[in-house]
Amino acid sequence: MIKTTIAVDGMMCGMCETHIQEAVRKNFHVKKVTANRGKKEAVILSEERLDAEKLKSVISETGYTPGVVSSEPYEKKGLFGLF
């Protein structure tokens, strides 16, 4: 799994977060997407690395300002993540 984080400026409320989440789900095959207006970012979990330029374009089309995109490998840590 890949964890992609993108800075998003302009989110003011819960509906703003929902707009970002829906736009990402509509344009990419993702496992999970969480937008957070307080942190000014969206975090996306997917099986494959996302195209950063397309992601920025999708965010921009919703009326918000995309920023830096970073990706890193992601391993789910749960109850048995210690072993």
C-alpha atoms as a PDB file:
ATOM      1  CA  MET A   1       0.000   0.000   0.000  1.00  0.00           C
ATOM      2  CA  ILE A   2       1.014   3.596  -0.637  1.00  0.00           C
ATOM      3  CA  LYS A   3       0.196   6.550   1.607  1.00  0.00           C
ATOM      4  CA  THR A   4      -0.077   9.803  -0.354  1.00  0.00           C
ATOM      5  CA  THR A   5      -0.377  13.127   1.441  1.00  0.00           C
ATOM      6  CA  ILE A   6      -1.305  16.335  -0.378  1.00  0.00           C
ATOM      7  CA  ALA A   7      -1.494  19.809   1.103  1.00  0.00           C
ATOM      8  CA  VAL A   8      -4.862  21.450   0.373  1.00  0.00           C
ATOM      9  CA  ASP A   9      -5.549  25.108   1.068  1.00  0.00           C
ATOM     10  CA  GLY A  10      -9.024  26.628   1.206  1.00  0.00           C
ATOM     11  CA  MET A  11     -10.998  24.010   3.156  1.00  0.00           C
ATOM     12  CA  MET A  12     -13.209  25.788   5.690  1.00  0.00           C
ATOM     13  CA  CYS A  13     -15.779  23.196   6.833  1.00  0.00           C
ATOM     14  CA  GLY A  14     -16.822  19.550   6.797  1.00  0.00           C
ATOM     15  CA  MET A  15     -18.442  19.927   3.378  1.00  0.00           C
ATOM     16  CA  CYS A  16     -15.128  21.134   1.990  1.00  0.00           C
ATOM     17  CA  GLU A  17     -13.503  17.943   3.286  1.00  0.00           C
ATOM     18  CA  THR A  18     -16.291  15.902   1.677  1.00  0.00           C
ATOM     19  CA  HIS A  19     -15.786  17.630  -1.699  1.00  0.00           C
ATOM     20  CA  ILE A  20     -12.098  16.706  -1.666  1.00  0.00           C
ATOM     21  CA  GLN A  21     -12.789  13.100  -0.622  1.00  0.00           C
ATOM     22  CA  GLU A  22     -15.460  12.595  -3.294  1.00  0.00           C
ATOM     23  CA  ALA A  23     -13.284  14.097  -6.024  1.00  0.00           C
ATOM     24  CA  VAL A  24     -10.378  11.781  -5.149  1.00  0.00           C
ATOM     25  CA  ARG A  25     -12.613   8.676  -4.984  1.00  0.00           C
ATOM     26  CA  LYS A  26     -14.198   9.568  -8.329  1.00  0.00           C
ATOM     27  CA  ASN A  27     -10.857   9.901 -10.133  1.00  0.00           C
ATOM     28  CA  PHE A  28      -8.649   7.270  -8.492  1.00  0.00           C
ATOM     29  CA  HIS A  29      -8.933   3.715  -7.187  1.00  0.00           C
ATOM     30  CA  VAL A  30      -8.279   4.246  -3.494  1.00  0.00           C
ATOM     31  CA  LYS A  31      -8.750   2.234  -0.314  1.00  0.00           C
ATOM     32  CA  LYS A  32      -9.266   5.273   1.925  1.00  0.00           C
ATOM     33  CA  VAL A  33      -9.163   9.061   1.690  1.00  0.00           C
ATOM     34  CA  THR A  34      -9.354  11.489   4.593  1.00  0.00           C
ATOM     35  CA  ALA A  35      -9.327  15.271   4.193  1.00  0.00           C
ATOM     36  CA  ASN A  36      -8.608  17.397   7.249  1.00  0.00           C
ATOM     37  CA  ARG A  37      -9.260  21.151   7.148  1.00  0.00           C
ATOM     38  CA  GLY A  38      -7.351  21.708  10.405  1.00  0.00           C
ATOM     39  CA  LYS A  39      -4.187  20.119   9.057  1.00  0.00           C
ATOM     40  CA  LYS A  40      -4.849  21.521   5.555  1.00  0.00           C
ATOM     41  CA  GLU A  41      -4.172  18.152   3.943  1.00  0.00           C
ATOM     42  CA  ALA A  42      -5.683  15.026   2.483  1.00  0.00           C
ATOM     43  CA  VAL A  43      -4.262  11.568   3.158  1.00  0.00           C
ATOM     44  CA  ILE A  44      -4.944   8.835   0.611  1.00  0.00           C
ATOM     45  CA  LEU A  45      -4.283   5.096   0.878  1.00  0.00           C
ATOM     46  CA  SER A  46      -4.056   3.181  -2.385  1.00  0.00           C
ATOM     47  CA  GLU A  47      -2.614  -0.005  -3.818  1.00  0.00           C
ATOM     48  CA  GLU A  48      -0.556   1.887  -6.414  1.00  0.00           C
ATOM     49  CA  ARG A  49       1.277   5.204  -6.474  1.00  0.00           C
ATOM     50  CA  LEU A  50      -0.980   8.076  -7.591  1.00  0.00           C
ATOM     51  CA  ASP A  51      -0.054  10.475 -10.390  1.00  0.00           C
ATOM     52  CA  ALA A  52       0.845  13.647  -8.458  1.00  0.00           C
ATOM     53  CA  GLU A  53       0.027  16.027 -11.325  1.00  0.00           C
ATOM     54  CA  LYS A  54      -3.380  14.434 -11.915  1.00  0.00           C
ATOM     55  CA  LEU A  55      -4.088  14.565  -8.165  1.00  0.00           C
ATOM     56  CA  LYS A  56      -3.239  18.279  -8.092  1.00  0.00           C
ATOM     57  CA  SER A  57      -5.479  18.849 -11.108  1.00  0.00           C
ATOM     58  CA  VAL A  58      -8.411  17.019  -9.496  1.00  0.00           C
ATOM     59  CA  ILE A  59      -8.048  19.067  -6.291  1.00  0.00           C
ATOM     60  CA  SER A  60      -7.749  22.292  -8.263  1.00  0.00           C
ATOM     61  CA  GLU A  61     -10.935  21.503 -10.234  1.00  0.00           C
ATOM     62  CA  THR A  62     -12.879  21.383  -6.944  1.00  0.00           C
ATOM     63  CA  GLY A  63     -11.901  25.010  -6.245  1.00  0.00           C
ATOM     64  CA  TYR A  64      -9.231  24.341  -3.625  1.00  0.00           C
ATOM     65  CA  THR A  65      -5.508  25.011  -3.884  1.00  0.00           C
ATOM     66  CA  PRO A  66      -3.297  21.909  -4.003  1.00  0.00           C
ATOM     67  CA  GLY A  67       0.204  21.984  -2.572  1.00  0.00           C
ATOM     68  CA  VAL A  68       3.059  19.569  -2.041  1.00  0.00           C
ATOM     69  CA  VAL A  69       2.401  15.872  -2.708  1.00  0.00           C
ATOM     70  CA  SER A  70       4.400  13.191  -0.905  1.00  0.00           C
ATOM     71  CA  SER A  71       4.144   9.414  -1.074  1.00  0.00           C
ATOM     72  CA  GLU A  72       5.553   6.669   1.101  1.00  0.00           C
ATOM     73  CA  PRO A  73       5.036   2.949   1.652  1.00  0.00           C
ATOM     74  CA  TYR A  74       2.296   2.209   4.170  1.00  0.00           C
ATOM     75  CA  GLU A  75       1.876  -0.806   6.407  1.00  0.00           C
ATOM     76  CA  LYS A  76      -1.262  -1.210   8.430  1.00  0.00           C
ATOM     77  CA  LYS A  77      -0.460  -1.437  12.093  1.00  0.00           C
ATOM     78  CA  GLY A  78      -3.033  -3.129  14.240  1.00  0.00           C
ATOM     79  CA  LEU A  79      -3.282  -5.350  17.232  1.00  0.00           C
ATOM     80  CA  PHE A  80      -0.695  -7.718  15.802  1.00  0.00           C
ATOM     81  CA  GLY A  81       1.516  -5.013  14.269  1.00  0.00           C
ATOM     82  CA  LEU A  82       4.088  -5.689  16.978  1.00  0.00           C
ATOM     83  CA  PHE A  83       5.109  -9.016  15.456  1.00  0.00           C
END
